[in-house]
Amino acid sequence: MLVERLNLETNHVEMLEYMGIVQFKGDDTQVDLTDGKNYYVVGIHNNLLKIIDDTQDYYYYLPFDAHDISKKEGIFSGFYIIEDPTGKINALFTSYKIEFDNKQKKNSKKLMHRIIQWKLNKK
């Protein structure tokens, strides 16, 4: 299926093939996305979702699963998968969630190690 994209550099409308639909959940003033609105995913690049957002052009967004909002530290907005006929969006969400969890664990261990070192040096 095709969807319109307004190329903001050339100010021309282009037709792009979309691979699925996601719904944004959250209140993030740093993005051009509206809470509860559905968006077309027109690709995946470097583990990012390529989404036609409110500007009508595509931009890249982190594939945070909206189900993880308030369950995981650092996730305040995300996406629900509405349509994913190839399963590629779901696969991206799954791999990104694993990567994100691993980074959180590493950072937590580093922080704990720094606190212990600080306490030891303080004595």
PDB file of N, CA and C in Angstrom:
ATOM      1  N   MET A   1       0.840  -1.179   0.000  1.00  0.00           N
ATOM      2  CA  MET A   1       0.000   0.000   0.000  1.00  0.00           C
ATOM      3  C   MET A   1       0.889   1.248   0.000  1.00  0.00           C
ATOM      4  N   LEU A   2       0.376   2.288  -0.590  1.00  0.00           N
ATOM      5  CA  LEU A   2       1.132   3.530  -0.706  1.00  0.00           C
ATOM      6  C   LEU A   2       0.564   4.607   0.216  1.00  0.00           C
ATOM      7  N   VAL A   3       1.451   5.493   0.642  1.00  0.00           N
ATOM      8  CA  VAL A   3       1.082   6.611   1.497  1.00  0.00           C
ATOM      9  C   VAL A   3       1.811   7.856   0.995  1.00  0.00           C
ATOM     10  N   GLU A   4       1.196   9.020   1.204  1.00  0.00           N
ATOM     11  CA  GLU A   4       1.819  10.274   0.773  1.00  0.00           C
ATOM     12  C   GLU A   4       2.848  10.748   1.788  1.00  0.00           C
ATOM     13  N   ARG A   5       3.919  11.299   1.247  1.00  0.00           N
ATOM     14  CA  ARG A   5       4.945  11.948   2.056  1.00  0.00           C
ATOM     15  C   ARG A   5       5.192  13.314   1.446  1.00  0.00           C
ATOM     16  N   LEU A   6       5.201  14.351   2.254  1.00  0.00           N
ATOM     17  CA  LEU A   6       5.563  15.683   1.791  1.00  0.00           C
ATOM     18  C   LEU A   6       7.047  15.850   2.037  1.00  0.00           C
ATOM     19  N   ASN A   7       7.829  15.846   0.968  1.00  0.00           N
ATOM     20  CA  ASN A   7       9.273  16.034   1.099  1.00  0.00           C
ATOM     21  C   ASN A   7       9.503  17.503   1.439  1.00  0.00           C
ATOM     22  N   LEU A   8       9.881  17.774   2.678  1.00  0.00           N
ATOM     23  CA  LEU A   8      10.026  19.159   3.134  1.00  0.00           C
ATOM     24  C   LEU A   8      11.206  19.878   2.499  1.00  0.00           C
ATOM     25  N   GLU A   9      12.161  19.123   1.953  1.00  0.00           N
ATOM     26  CA  GLU A   9      13.293  19.752   1.278  1.00  0.00           C
ATOM     27  C   GLU A   9      12.897  20.278  -0.098  1.00  0.00           C
ATOM     28  N   THR A  10      12.066  19.519  -0.812  1.00  0.00           N
ATOM     29  CA  THR A  10      11.667  19.922  -2.169  1.00  0.00           C
ATOM     30  C   THR A  10      10.254  20.477  -2.228  1.00  0.00           C
ATOM     31  N   ASN A  11       9.496  20.309  -1.134  1.00  0.00           N
ATOM     32  CA  ASN A  11       8.102  20.722  -1.055  1.00  0.00           C
ATOM     33  C   ASN A  11       7.223  20.002  -2.088  1.00  0.00           C
ATOM     34  N   HIS A  12       7.586  18.768  -2.410  1.00  0.00           N
ATOM     35  CA  HIS A  12       6.803  17.944  -3.330  1.00  0.00           C
ATOM     36  C   HIS A  12       6.256  16.729  -2.602  1.00  0.00           C
ATOM     37  N   VAL A  13       5.084  16.300  -3.044  1.00  0.00           N
ATOM     38  CA  VAL A  13       4.467  15.104  -2.480  1.00  0.00           C
ATOM     39  C   VAL A  13       5.001  13.889  -3.219  1.00  0.00           C
ATOM     40  N   GLU A  14       5.400  12.885  -2.456  1.00  0.00           N
ATOM     41  CA  GLU A  14       5.892  11.633  -3.020  1.00  0.00           C
ATOM     42  C   GLU A  14       5.043  10.499  -2.469  1.00  0.00           C
ATOM     43  N   MET A  15       4.977   9.413  -3.191  1.00  0.00           N
ATOM     44  CA  MET A  15       4.269   8.225  -2.714  1.00  0.00           C
ATOM     45  C   MET A  15       5.300   7.203  -2.247  1.00  0.00           C
ATOM     46  N   LEU A  16       5.076   6.666  -1.051  1.00  0.00           N
ATOM     47  CA  LEU A  16       5.972   5.667  -0.475  1.00  0.00           C
ATOM     48  C   LEU A  16       5.178   4.427  -0.093  1.00  0.00           C
ATOM     49  N   GLU A  17       5.831   3.300  -0.195  1.00  0.00           N
ATOM     50  CA  GLU A  17       5.251   2.044   0.282  1.00  0.00           C
ATOM     51  C   GLU A  17       5.374   2.016   1.798  1.00  0.00           C
ATOM     52  N   TYR A  18       4.303   1.676   2.502  1.00  0.00           N
ATOM     53  CA  TYR A  18       4.424   1.567   3.952  1.00  0.00           C
ATOM     54  C   TYR A  18       4.402   0.107   4.365  1.00  0.00           C
ATOM     55  N   MET A  19       5.053  -0.170   5.483  1.00  0.00           N
ATOM     56  CA  MET A  19       5.193  -1.550   5.937  1.00  0.00           C
ATOM     57  C   MET A  19       4.328  -1.878   7.143  1.00  0.00           C
ATOM     58  N   GLY A  20       3.704  -0.865   7.730  1.00  0.00           N
ATOM     59  CA  GLY A  20       2.847  -1.104   8.876  1.00  0.00           C
ATOM     60  C   GLY A  20       2.342   0.193   9.472  1.00  0.00           C
ATOM     61  N   ILE A  21       1.554   0.030  10.529  1.00  0.00           N
ATOM     62  CA  ILE A  21       0.977   1.190  11.205  1.00  0.00           C
ATOM     63  C   ILE A  21       1.227   1.030  12.707  1.00  0.00           C
ATOM     64  N   VAL A  22       1.634   2.133  13.340  1.00  0.00           N
ATOM     65  CA  VAL A  22       1.814   2.165  14.793  1.00  0.00           C
ATOM     66  C   VAL A  22       0.999   3.324  15.354  1.00  0.00           C
ATOM     67  N   GLN A  23       0.681   3.218  16.634  1.00  0.00           N
ATOM     68  CA  GLN A  23      -0.029   4.290  17.325  1.00  0.00           C
ATOM     69  C   GLN A  23       0.889   4.860  18.400  1.00  0.00           C
ATOM     70  N   PHE A  24       1.028   6.178  18.414  1.00  0.00           N
ATOM     71  CA  PHE A  24       1.883   6.835  19.405  1.00  0.00           C
ATOM     72  C   PHE A  24       1.130   7.000  20.712  1.00  0.00           C
ATOM     73  N   LYS A  25       1.831   6.753  21.813  1.00  0.00           N
ATOM     74  CA  LYS A  25       1.286   6.963  23.143  1.00  0.00           C
ATOM     75  C   LYS A  25       2.306   7.749  23.949  1.00  0.00           C
ATOM     76  N   GLY A  26       1.890   8.893  24.456  1.00  0.00           N
ATOM     77  CA  GLY A  26       2.781   9.682  25.283  1.00  0.00           C
ATOM     78  C   GLY A  26       2.575  11.163  25.073  1.00  0.00           C
ATOM     79  N   ASP A  27       3.296  11.926  25.859  1.00  0.00           N
ATOM     80  CA  ASP A  27       3.212  13.380  25.798  1.00  0.00           C
ATOM     81  C   ASP A  27       4.630  13.913  25.746  1.00  0.00           C
ATOM     82  N   ASP A  28       5.199  13.906  24.551  1.00  0.00           N
ATOM     83  CA  ASP A  28       6.591  14.312  24.373  1.00  0.00           C
ATOM     84  C   ASP A  28       6.620  15.545  23.479  1.00  0.00           C
ATOM     85  N   THR A  29       7.026  16.670  24.031  1.00  0.00           N
ATOM     86  CA  THR A  29       7.043  17.918  23.262  1.00  0.00           C
ATOM     87  C   THR A  29       8.229  17.983  22.297  1.00  0.00           C
ATOM     88  N   GLN A  30       9.140  17.007  22.377  1.00  0.00           N
ATOM     89  CA  GLN A  30      10.317  16.994  21.513  1.00  0.00           C
ATOM     90  C   GLN A  30      10.048  16.324  20.164  1.00  0.00           C
ATOM     91  N   VAL A  31       8.870  15.748  19.976  1.00  0.00           N
ATOM     92  CA  VAL A  31       8.562  15.026  18.742  1.00  0.00           C
ATOM     93  C   VAL A  31       7.322  15.600  18.080  1.00  0.00           C
ATOM     94  N   ASP A  32       7.188  15.343  16.786  1.00  0.00           N
ATOM     95  CA  ASP A  32       6.012  15.775  16.032  1.00  0.00           C
ATOM     96  C   ASP A  32       5.031  14.619  15.910  1.00  0.00           C
ATOM     97  N   LEU A  33       4.593  14.127  17.067  1.00  0.00           N
ATOM     98  CA  LEU A  33       3.652  13.014  17.149  1.00  0.00           C
ATOM     99  C   LEU A  33       2.557  13.385  18.138  1.00  0.00           C
ATOM    100  N   THR A  34       1.345  12.907  17.875  1.00  0.00           N
ATOM    101  CA  THR A  34       0.194  13.213  18.714  1.00  0.00           C
ATOM    102  C   THR A  34      -0.256  11.967  19.455  1.00  0.00           C
ATOM    103  N   ASP A  35      -0.487  12.108  20.747  1.00  0.00           N
ATOM    104  CA  ASP A  35      -0.932  10.995  21.574  1.00  0.00           C
ATOM    105  C   ASP A  35      -2.210  10.375  20.996  1.00  0.00           C
ATOM    106  N   GLY A  36      -2.184   9.064  20.805  1.00  0.00           N
ATOM    107  CA  GLY A  36      -3.351   8.330  20.325  1.00  0.00           C
ATOM    108  C   GLY A  36      -3.515   8.287  18.817  1.00  0.00           C
ATOM    109  N   LYS A  37      -2.657   8.950  18.083  1.00  0.00           N
ATOM    110  CA  LYS A  37      -2.778   9.007  16.625  1.00  0.00           C
ATOM    111  C   LYS A  37      -1.983   7.868  15.976  1.00  0.00           C
ATOM    112  N   ASN A  38      -2.534   7.330  14.893  1.00  0.00           N
ATOM    113  CA  ASN A  38      -1.865   6.277  14.131  1.00  0.00           C
ATOM    114  C   ASN A  38      -0.934   6.882  13.093  1.00  0.00           C
ATOM    115  N   TYR A  39       0.209   6.206  12.873  1.00  0.00           N
ATOM    116  CA  TYR A  39       1.218   6.682  11.930  1.00  0.00           C
ATOM    117  C   TYR A  39       1.702   5.535  11.051  1.00  0.00           C
ATOM    118  N   TYR A  40       2.039   5.873   9.816  1.00  0.00           N
ATOM    119  CA  TYR A  40       2.572   4.893   8.873  1.00  0.00           C
ATOM    120  C   TYR A  40       4.072   4.712   9.092  1.00  0.00           C
ATOM    121  N   VAL A  41       4.481   3.469   9.147  1.00  0.00           N
ATOM    122  CA  VAL A  41       5.902   3.127   9.196  1.00  0.00           C
ATOM    123  C   VAL A  41       6.315   2.829   7.763  1.00  0.00           C
ATOM    124  N   VAL A  42       7.278   3.611   7.254  1.00  0.00           N
ATOM    125  CA  VAL A  42       7.701   3.453   5.856  1.00  0.00           C
ATOM    126  C   VAL A  42       9.075   2.795   5.750  1.00  0.00           C
ATOM    127  N   GLY A  43       9.607   2.362   6.891  1.00  0.00           N
ATOM    128  CA  GLY A  43      10.882   1.659   6.859  1.00  0.00           C
ATOM    129  C   GLY A  43      11.498   1.528   8.231  1.00  0.00           C
ATOM    130  N   ILE A  44      12.573   0.782   8.252  1.00  0.00           N
ATOM    131  CA  ILE A  44      13.389   0.611   9.446  1.00  0.00           C
ATOM    132  C   ILE A  44      14.822   0.872   9.012  1.00  0.00           C
ATOM    133  N   HIS A  45      15.516   1.723   9.769  1.00  0.00           N
ATOM    134  CA  HIS A  45      16.891   2.072   9.419  1.00  0.00           C
ATOM    135  C   HIS A  45      17.704   2.185  10.700  1.00  0.00           C
ATOM    136  N   ASN A  46      18.807   1.440  10.796  1.00  0.00           N
ATOM    137  CA  ASN A  46      19.676   1.469  11.984  1.00  0.00           C
ATOM    138  C   ASN A  46      18.893   1.282  13.281  1.00  0.00           C
ATOM    139  N   ASN A  47      17.993   0.315  13.281  1.00  0.00           N
ATOM    140  CA  ASN A  47      17.156   0.004  14.450  1.00  0.00           C
ATOM    141  C   ASN A  47      16.253   1.146  14.881  1.00  0.00           C
ATOM    142  N   LEU A  48      15.864   1.984  13.941  1.00  0.00           N
ATOM    143  CA  LEU A  48      14.923   3.065  14.207  1.00  0.00           C
ATOM    144  C   LEU A  48      13.713   2.907  13.288  1.00  0.00           C
ATOM    145  N   LEU A  49      12.558   3.350  13.786  1.00  0.00           N
ATOM    146  CA  LEU A  49      11.352   3.360  12.962  1.00  0.00           C
ATOM    147  C   LEU A  49      11.350   4.605  12.081  1.00  0.00           C
ATOM    148  N   LYS A  50      11.115   4.426  10.819  1.00  0.00           N
ATOM    149  CA  LYS A  50      11.014   5.539   9.874  1.00  0.00           C
ATOM    150  C   LYS A  50       9.514   5.805   9.701  1.00  0.00           C
ATOM    151  N   ILE A  51       9.039   6.896  10.326  1.00  0.00           N
ATOM    152  CA  ILE A  51       7.604   7.165  10.437  1.00  0.00           C
ATOM    153  C   ILE A  51       7.239   8.486   9.769  1.00  0.00           C
ATOM    154  N   ILE A  52       6.117   8.481   9.061  1.00  0.00           N
ATOM    155  CA  ILE A  52       5.555   9.740   8.553  1.00  0.00           C
ATOM    156  C   ILE A  52       4.821  10.370   9.734  1.00  0.00           C
ATOM    157  N   ASP A  53       5.370  11.465  10.262  1.00  0.00           N
ATOM    158  CA  ASP A  53       4.801  12.067  11.469  1.00  0.00           C
ATOM    159  C   ASP A  53       3.892  13.247  11.125  1.00  0.00           C
ATOM    160  N   ASP A  54       3.612  14.097  12.099  1.00  0.00           N
ATOM    161  CA  ASP A  54       2.678  15.216  11.896  1.00  0.00           C
ATOM    162  C   ASP A  54       3.179  16.259  10.910  1.00  0.00           C
ATOM    163  N   THR A  55       4.456  16.233  10.571  1.00  0.00           N
ATOM    164  CA  THR A  55       4.986  17.173   9.574  1.00  0.00           C
ATOM    165  C   THR A  55       4.646  16.701   8.153  1.00  0.00           C
ATOM    166  N   GLN A  56       4.140  15.473   8.033  1.00  0.00           N
ATOM    167  CA  GLN A  56       3.840  14.792   6.773  1.00  0.00           C
ATOM    168  C   GLN A  56       5.099  14.301   6.063  1.00  0.00           C
ATOM    169  N   ASP A  57       6.260  14.483   6.677  1.00  0.00           N
ATOM    170  CA  ASP A  57       7.517  13.941   6.166  1.00  0.00           C
ATOM    171  C   ASP A  57       7.927  12.817   7.107  1.00  0.00           C
ATOM    172  N   TYR A  58       8.908  12.026   6.711  1.00  0.00           N
ATOM    173  CA  TYR A  58       9.321  10.953   7.609  1.00  0.00           C
ATOM    174  C   TYR A  58      10.516  11.381   8.460  1.00  0.00           C
ATOM    175  N   TYR A  59      10.515  10.844   9.663  1.00  0.00           N
ATOM    176  CA  TYR A  59      11.608  11.029  10.614  1.00  0.00           C
ATOM    177  C   TYR A  59      11.831   9.708  11.329  1.00  0.00           C
ATOM    178  N   TYR A  60      12.954   9.608  12.010  1.00  0.00           N
ATOM    179  CA  TYR A  60      13.326   8.368  12.684  1.00  0.00           C
ATOM    180  C   TYR A  60      13.005   8.456  14.169  1.00  0.00           C
ATOM    181  N   TYR A  61      12.423   7.375  14.691  1.00  0.00           N
ATOM    182  CA  TYR A  61      12.024   7.326  16.089  1.00  0.00           C
ATOM    183  C   TYR A  61      12.486   6.020  16.729  1.00  0.00           C
ATOM    184  N   LEU A  62      12.806   6.098  18.027  1.00  0.00           N
ATOM    185  CA  LEU A  62      13.186   4.907  18.782  1.00  0.00           C
ATOM    186  C   LEU A  62      11.982   3.975  18.911  1.00  0.00           C
ATOM    187  N   PRO A  63      12.198   2.694  18.741  1.00  0.00           N
ATOM    188  CA  PRO A  63      11.072   1.747  18.790  1.00  0.00           C
ATOM    189  C   PRO A  63      10.707   1.325  20.217  1.00  0.00           C
ATOM    190  N   PHE A  64      10.316   2.297  21.039  1.00  0.00           N
ATOM    191  CA  PHE A  64       9.872   1.968  22.389  1.00  0.00           C
ATOM    192  C   PHE A  64       8.459   1.417  22.332  1.00  0.00           C
ATOM    193  N   ASP A  65       8.256   0.310  23.003  1.00  0.00           N
ATOM    194  CA  ASP A  65       6.941  -0.322  23.095  1.00  0.00           C
ATOM    195  C   ASP A  65       6.122   0.445  24.124  1.00  0.00           C
ATOM    196  N   ALA A  66       4.949   0.921  23.739  1.00  0.00           N
ATOM    197  CA  ALA A  66       4.110   1.700  24.655  1.00  0.00           C
ATOM    198  C   ALA A  66       3.664   0.885  25.860  1.00  0.00           C
ATOM    199  N   HIS A  67       3.686  -0.435  25.748  1.00  0.00           N
ATOM    200  CA  HIS A  67       3.339  -1.277  26.898  1.00  0.00           C
ATOM    201  C   HIS A  67       4.352  -1.114  28.034  1.00  0.00           C
ATOM    202  N   ASP A  68       5.535  -0.617  27.733  1.00  0.00           N
ATOM    203  CA  ASP A  68       6.588  -0.460  28.745  1.00  0.00           C
ATOM    204  C   ASP A  68       6.576   0.896  29.437  1.00  0.00           C
ATOM    205  N   ILE A  69       5.676   1.795  29.029  1.00  0.00           N
ATOM    206  CA  ILE A  69       5.606   3.112  29.672  1.00  0.00           C
ATOM    207  C   ILE A  69       5.292   2.902  31.150  1.00  0.00           C
ATOM    208  N   SER A  70       6.033   3.545  31.986  1.00  0.00           N
ATOM    209  CA  SER A  70       5.947   3.514  33.453  1.00  0.00           C
ATOM    210  C   SER A  70       6.355   2.173  34.060  1.00  0.00           C
ATOM    211  N   LYS A  71       6.630   1.179  33.247  1.00  0.00           N
ATOM    212  CA  LYS A  71       7.130  -0.094  33.769  1.00  0.00           C
ATOM    213  C   LYS A  71       8.653  -0.089  33.804  1.00  0.00           C
ATOM    214  N   LYS A  72       9.252   0.662  32.895  1.00  0.00           N
ATOM    215  CA  LYS A  72      10.709   0.692  32.798  1.00  0.00           C
ATOM    216  C   LYS A  72      11.200   2.124  32.915  1.00  0.00           C
ATOM    217  N   GLU A  73      12.281   2.292  33.644  1.00  0.00           N
ATOM    218  CA  GLU A  73      12.868   3.609  33.824  1.00  0.00           C
ATOM    219  C   GLU A  73      13.340   4.162  32.481  1.00  0.00           C
ATOM    220  N   GLY A  74      13.010   5.403  32.206  1.00  0.00           N
ATOM    221  CA  GLY A  74      13.476   6.059  30.990  1.00  0.00           C
ATOM    222  C   GLY A  74      12.513   5.968  29.825  1.00  0.00           C
ATOM    223  N   ILE A  75      11.389   5.264  29.971  1.00  0.00           N
ATOM    224  CA  ILE A  75      10.425   5.161  28.868  1.00  0.00           C
ATOM    225  C   ILE A  75       9.180   5.955  29.242  1.00  0.00           C
ATOM    226  N   PHE A  76       8.951   7.056  28.524  1.00  0.00           N
ATOM    227  CA  PHE A  76       7.830   7.943  28.818  1.00  0.00           C
ATOM    228  C   PHE A  76       6.840   8.003  27.657  1.00  0.00           C
ATOM    229  N   SER A  77       7.250   7.500  26.512  1.00  0.00           N
ATOM    230  CA  SER A  77       6.367   7.457  25.350  1.00  0.00           C
ATOM    231  C   SER A  77       6.777   6.266  24.501  1.00  0.00           C
ATOM    232  N   GLY A  78       5.889   5.862  23.622  1.00  0.00           N
ATOM    233  CA  GLY A  78       6.201   4.720  22.779  1.00  0.00           C
ATOM    234  C   GLY A  78       5.101   4.467  21.760  1.00  0.00           C
ATOM    235  N   PHE A  79       5.142   3.288  21.187  1.00  0.00           N
ATOM    236  CA  PHE A  79       4.222   2.946  20.115  1.00  0.00           C
ATOM    237  C   PHE A  79       3.540   1.611  20.381  1.00  0.00           C
ATOM    238  N   TYR A  80       2.272   1.551  20.008  1.00  0.00           N
ATOM    239  CA  TYR A  80       1.547   0.287  19.929  1.00  0.00           C
ATOM    240  C   TYR A  80       1.571  -0.130  18.463  1.00  0.00           C
ATOM    241  N   ILE A  81       1.788  -1.388  18.207  1.00  0.00           N
ATOM    242  CA  ILE A  81       1.741  -1.875  16.829  1.00  0.00           C
ATOM    243  C   ILE A  81       0.282  -2.119  16.461  1.00  0.00           C
ATOM    244  N   ILE A  82      -0.181  -1.463  15.420  1.00  0.00           N
ATOM    245  CA  ILE A  82      -1.554  -1.607  14.953  1.00  0.00           C
ATOM    246  C   ILE A  82      -1.608  -2.603  13.794  1.00  0.00           C
ATOM    247  N   GLU A  83      -0.669  -2.446  12.870  1.00  0.00           N
ATOM    248  CA  GLU A  83      -0.631  -3.319  11.693  1.00  0.00           C
ATOM    249  C   GLU A  83       0.832  -3.633  11.369  1.00  0.00           C
ATOM    250  N   ASP A  84       1.132  -4.921  11.240  1.00  0.00           N
ATOM    251  CA  ASP A  84       2.502  -5.352  10.957  1.00  0.00           C
ATOM    252  C   ASP A  84       2.450  -6.672  10.174  1.00  0.00           C
ATOM    253  N   PRO A  85       2.066  -6.605   8.911  1.00  0.00           N
ATOM    254  CA  PRO A  85       1.874  -7.838   8.140  1.00  0.00           C
ATOM    255  C   PRO A  85       3.137  -8.678   7.943  1.00  0.00           C
ATOM    256  N   THR A  86       4.306  -8.060   7.954  1.00  0.00           N
ATOM    257  CA  THR A  86       5.552  -8.811   7.743  1.00  0.00           C
ATOM    258  C   THR A  86       6.184  -9.275   9.047  1.00  0.00           C
ATOM    259  N   GLY A  87       5.786  -8.684  10.171  1.00  0.00           N
ATOM    260  CA  GLY A  87       6.376  -9.016  11.464  1.00  0.00           C
ATOM    261  C   GLY A  87       7.690  -8.299  11.739  1.00  0.00           C
ATOM    262  N   LYS A  88       8.142  -7.460  10.808  1.00  0.00           N
ATOM    263  CA  LYS A  88       9.433  -6.770  10.974  1.00  0.00           C
ATOM    264  C   LYS A  88       9.400  -5.712  12.077  1.00  0.00           C
ATOM    265  N   ILE A  89       8.268  -5.050  12.243  1.00  0.00           N
ATOM    266  CA  ILE A  89       8.163  -4.031  13.295  1.00  0.00           C
ATOM    267  C   ILE A  89       8.215  -4.711  14.657  1.00  0.00           C
ATOM    268  N   ASN A  90       7.478  -5.788  14.804  1.00  0.00           N
ATOM    269  CA  ASN A  90       7.487  -6.532  16.063  1.00  0.00           C
ATOM    270  C   ASN A  90       8.890  -7.061  16.375  1.00  0.00           C
ATOM    271  N   ALA A  91       9.577  -7.564  15.357  1.00  0.00           N
ATOM    272  CA  ALA A  91      10.941  -8.066  15.552  1.00  0.00           C
ATOM    273  C   ALA A  91      11.864  -6.935  16.008  1.00  0.00           C
ATOM    274  N   LEU A  92      11.706  -5.750  15.436  1.00  0.00           N
ATOM    275  CA  LEU A  92      12.512  -4.595  15.850  1.00  0.00           C
ATOM    276  C   LEU A  92      12.228  -4.233  17.303  1.00  0.00           C
ATOM    277  N   PHE A  93      10.943  -4.192  17.681  1.00  0.00           N
ATOM    278  CA  PHE A  93      10.572  -3.873  19.060  1.00  0.00           C
ATOM    279  C   PHE A  93      11.223  -4.872  20.015  1.00  0.00           C
ATOM    280  N   THR A  94      11.159  -6.148  19.683  1.00  0.00           N
ATOM    281  CA  THR A  94      11.706  -7.194  20.540  1.00  0.00           C
ATOM    282  C   THR A  94      13.212  -7.052  20.694  1.00  0.00           C
ATOM    283  N   SER A  95      13.918  -6.867  19.578  1.00  0.00           N
ATOM    284  CA  SER A  95      15.386  -6.748  19.663  1.00  0.00           C
ATOM    285  C   SER A  95      15.792  -5.465  20.379  1.00  0.00           C
ATOM    286  N   TYR A  96      15.059  -4.373  20.157  1.00  0.00           N
ATOM    287  CA  TYR A  96      15.394  -3.114  20.826  1.00  0.00           C
ATOM    288  C   TYR A  96      15.140  -3.210  22.327  1.00  0.00           C
ATOM    289  N   LYS A  97      14.063  -3.900  22.710  1.00  0.00           N
ATOM    290  CA  LYS A  97      13.746  -4.063  24.126  1.00  0.00           C
ATOM    291  C   LYS A  97      14.862  -4.828  24.835  1.00  0.00           C
ATOM    292  N   ILE A  98      15.380  -5.874  24.198  1.00  0.00           N
ATOM    293  CA  ILE A  98      16.485  -6.645  24.772  1.00  0.00           C
ATOM    294  C   ILE A  98      17.725  -5.775  24.910  1.00  0.00           C
ATOM    295  N   GLU A  99      18.040  -5.023  23.852  1.00  0.00           N
ATOM    296  CA  GLU A  99      19.200  -4.130  23.861  1.00  0.00           C
ATOM    297  C   GLU A  99      19.057  -3.061  24.950  1.00  0.00           C
ATOM    298  N   PHE A 100      17.881  -2.470  25.061  1.00  0.00           N
ATOM    299  CA  PHE A 100      17.618  -1.426  26.057  1.00  0.00           C
ATOM    300  C   PHE A 100      17.764  -1.997  27.468  1.00  0.00           C
ATOM    301  N   ASP A 101      17.188  -3.176  27.706  1.00  0.00           N
ATOM    302  CA  ASP A 101      17.293  -3.813  29.027  1.00  0.00           C
ATOM    303  C   ASP A 101      18.744  -4.100  29.389  1.00  0.00           C
ATOM    304  N   ASN A 102      19.521  -4.577  28.426  1.00  0.00           N
ATOM    305  CA  ASN A 102      20.939  -4.860  28.682  1.00  0.00           C
ATOM    306  C   ASN A 102      21.706  -3.590  29.030  1.00  0.00           C
ATOM    307  N   LYS A 103      21.420  -2.494  28.332  1.00  0.00           N
ATOM    308  CA  LYS A 103      22.078  -1.218  28.637  1.00  0.00           C
ATOM    309  C   LYS A 103      21.699  -0.730  30.032  1.00  0.00           C
ATOM    310  N   GLN A 104      20.417  -0.884  30.384  1.00  0.00           N
ATOM    311  CA  GLN A 104      19.970  -0.456  31.710  1.00  0.00           C
ATOM    312  C   GLN A 104      20.682  -1.258  32.805  1.00  0.00           C
ATOM    313  N   LYS A 105      20.830  -2.570  32.591  1.00  0.00           N
ATOM    314  CA  LYS A 105      21.511  -3.410  33.577  1.00  0.00           C
ATOM    315  C   LYS A 105      22.972  -3.004  33.722  1.00  0.00           C
ATOM    316  N   LYS A 106      23.650  -2.760  32.601  1.00  0.00           N
ATOM    317  CA  LYS A 106      25.049  -2.333  32.651  1.00  0.00           C
ATOM    318  C   LYS A 106      25.194  -1.014  33.393  1.00  0.00           C
ATOM    319  N   ASN A 107      24.323  -0.056  33.067  1.00  0.00           N
ATOM    320  CA  ASN A 107      24.387   1.250  33.725  1.00  0.00           C
ATOM    321  C   ASN A 107      24.108   1.138  35.214  1.00  0.00           C
ATOM    322  N   SER A 108      23.189   0.267  35.577  1.00  0.00           N
ATOM    323  CA  SER A 108      22.872   0.057  36.984  1.00  0.00           C
ATOM    324  C   SER A 108      24.070  -0.516  37.722  1.00  0.00           C
ATOM    325  N   LYS A 109      24.749  -1.480  37.119  1.00  0.00           N
ATOM    326  CA  LYS A 109      25.935  -2.076  37.742  1.00  0.00           C
ATOM    327  C   LYS A 109      27.050  -1.045  37.879  1.00  0.00           C
ATOM    328  N   LYS A 110      27.225  -0.214  36.853  1.00  0.00           N
ATOM    329  CA  LYS A 110      28.259   0.822  36.913  1.00  0.00           C
ATOM    330  C   LYS A 110      27.969   1.805  38.044  1.00  0.00           C
ATOM    331  N   LEU A 111      26.710   2.202  38.174  1.00  0.00           N
ATOM    332  CA  LEU A 111      26.334   3.139  39.228  1.00  0.00           C
ATOM    333  C   LEU A 111      26.578   2.522  40.596  1.00  0.00           C
ATOM    334  N   MET A 112      26.169   1.276  40.771  1.00  0.00           N
ATOM    335  CA  MET A 112      26.379   0.602  42.049  1.00  0.00           C
ATOM    336  C   MET A 112      27.873   0.512  42.360  1.00  0.00           C
ATOM    337  N   HIS A 113      28.680   0.185  41.360  1.00  0.00           N
ATOM    338  CA  HIS A 113      30.129   0.097  41.550  1.00  0.00           C
ATOM    339  C   HIS A 113      30.704   1.459  41.960  1.00  0.00           C
ATOM    340  N   ARG A 114      30.240   2.535  41.323  1.00  0.00           N
ATOM    341  CA  ARG A 114      30.726   3.873  41.672  1.00  0.00           C
ATOM    342  C   ARG A 114      30.339   4.262  43.094  1.00  0.00           C
ATOM    343  N   ILE A 115      29.134   3.888  43.517  1.00  0.00           N
ATOM    344  CA  ILE A 115      28.690   4.206  44.875  1.00  0.00           C
ATOM    345  C   ILE A 115      29.548   3.460  45.889  1.00  0.00           C
ATOM    346  N   ILE A 116      29.813   2.190  45.617  1.00  0.00           N
ATOM    347  CA  ILE A 116      30.655   1.397  46.519  1.00  0.00           C
ATOM    348  C   ILE A 116      32.057   1.996  46.599  1.00  0.00           C
ATOM    349  N   GLN A 117      32.625   2.349  45.442  1.00  0.00           N
ATOM    350  CA  GLN A 117      33.959   2.954  45.426  1.00  0.00           C
ATOM    351  C   GLN A 117      33.975   4.279  46.185  1.00  0.00           C
ATOM    352  N   TRP A 118      32.948   5.072  46.022  1.00  0.00           N
ATOM    353  CA  TRP A 118      32.857   6.345  46.721  1.00  0.00           C
ATOM    354  C   TRP A 118      32.834   6.125  48.221  1.00  0.00           C
ATOM    355  N   LYS A 119      32.027   5.153  48.682  1.00  0.00           N
ATOM    356  CA  LYS A 119      31.940   4.863  50.118  1.00  0.00           C
ATOM    357  C   LYS A 119      33.268   4.350  50.652  1.00  0.00           C
ATOM    358  N   LEU A 120      33.945   3.514  49.887  1.00  0.00           N
ATOM    359  CA  LEU A 120      35.242   2.983  50.316  1.00  0.00           C
ATOM    360  C   LEU A 120      36.289   4.098  50.389  1.00  0.00           C
ATOM    361  N   ASN A 121      36.276   4.989  49.433  1.00  0.00           N
ATOM    362  CA  ASN A 121      37.260   6.085  49.403  1.00  0.00           C
ATOM    363  C   ASN A 121      36.968   7.123  50.489  1.00  0.00           C
ATOM    364  N   LYS A 122      35.735   7.212  50.912  1.00  0.00           N
ATOM    365  CA  LYS A 122      35.334   8.206  51.901  1.00  0.00           C
ATOM    366  C   LYS A 122      35.862   7.848  53.291  1.00  0.00           C
ATOM    367  N   LYS A 123      36.068   6.570  53.541  1.00  0.00           N
ATOM    368  CA  LYS A 123      36.506   6.119  54.885  1.00  0.00           C
ATOM    369  C   LYS A 123      37.914   6.460  55.152  1.00  0.00           C
TER     370      LYS A 123
END
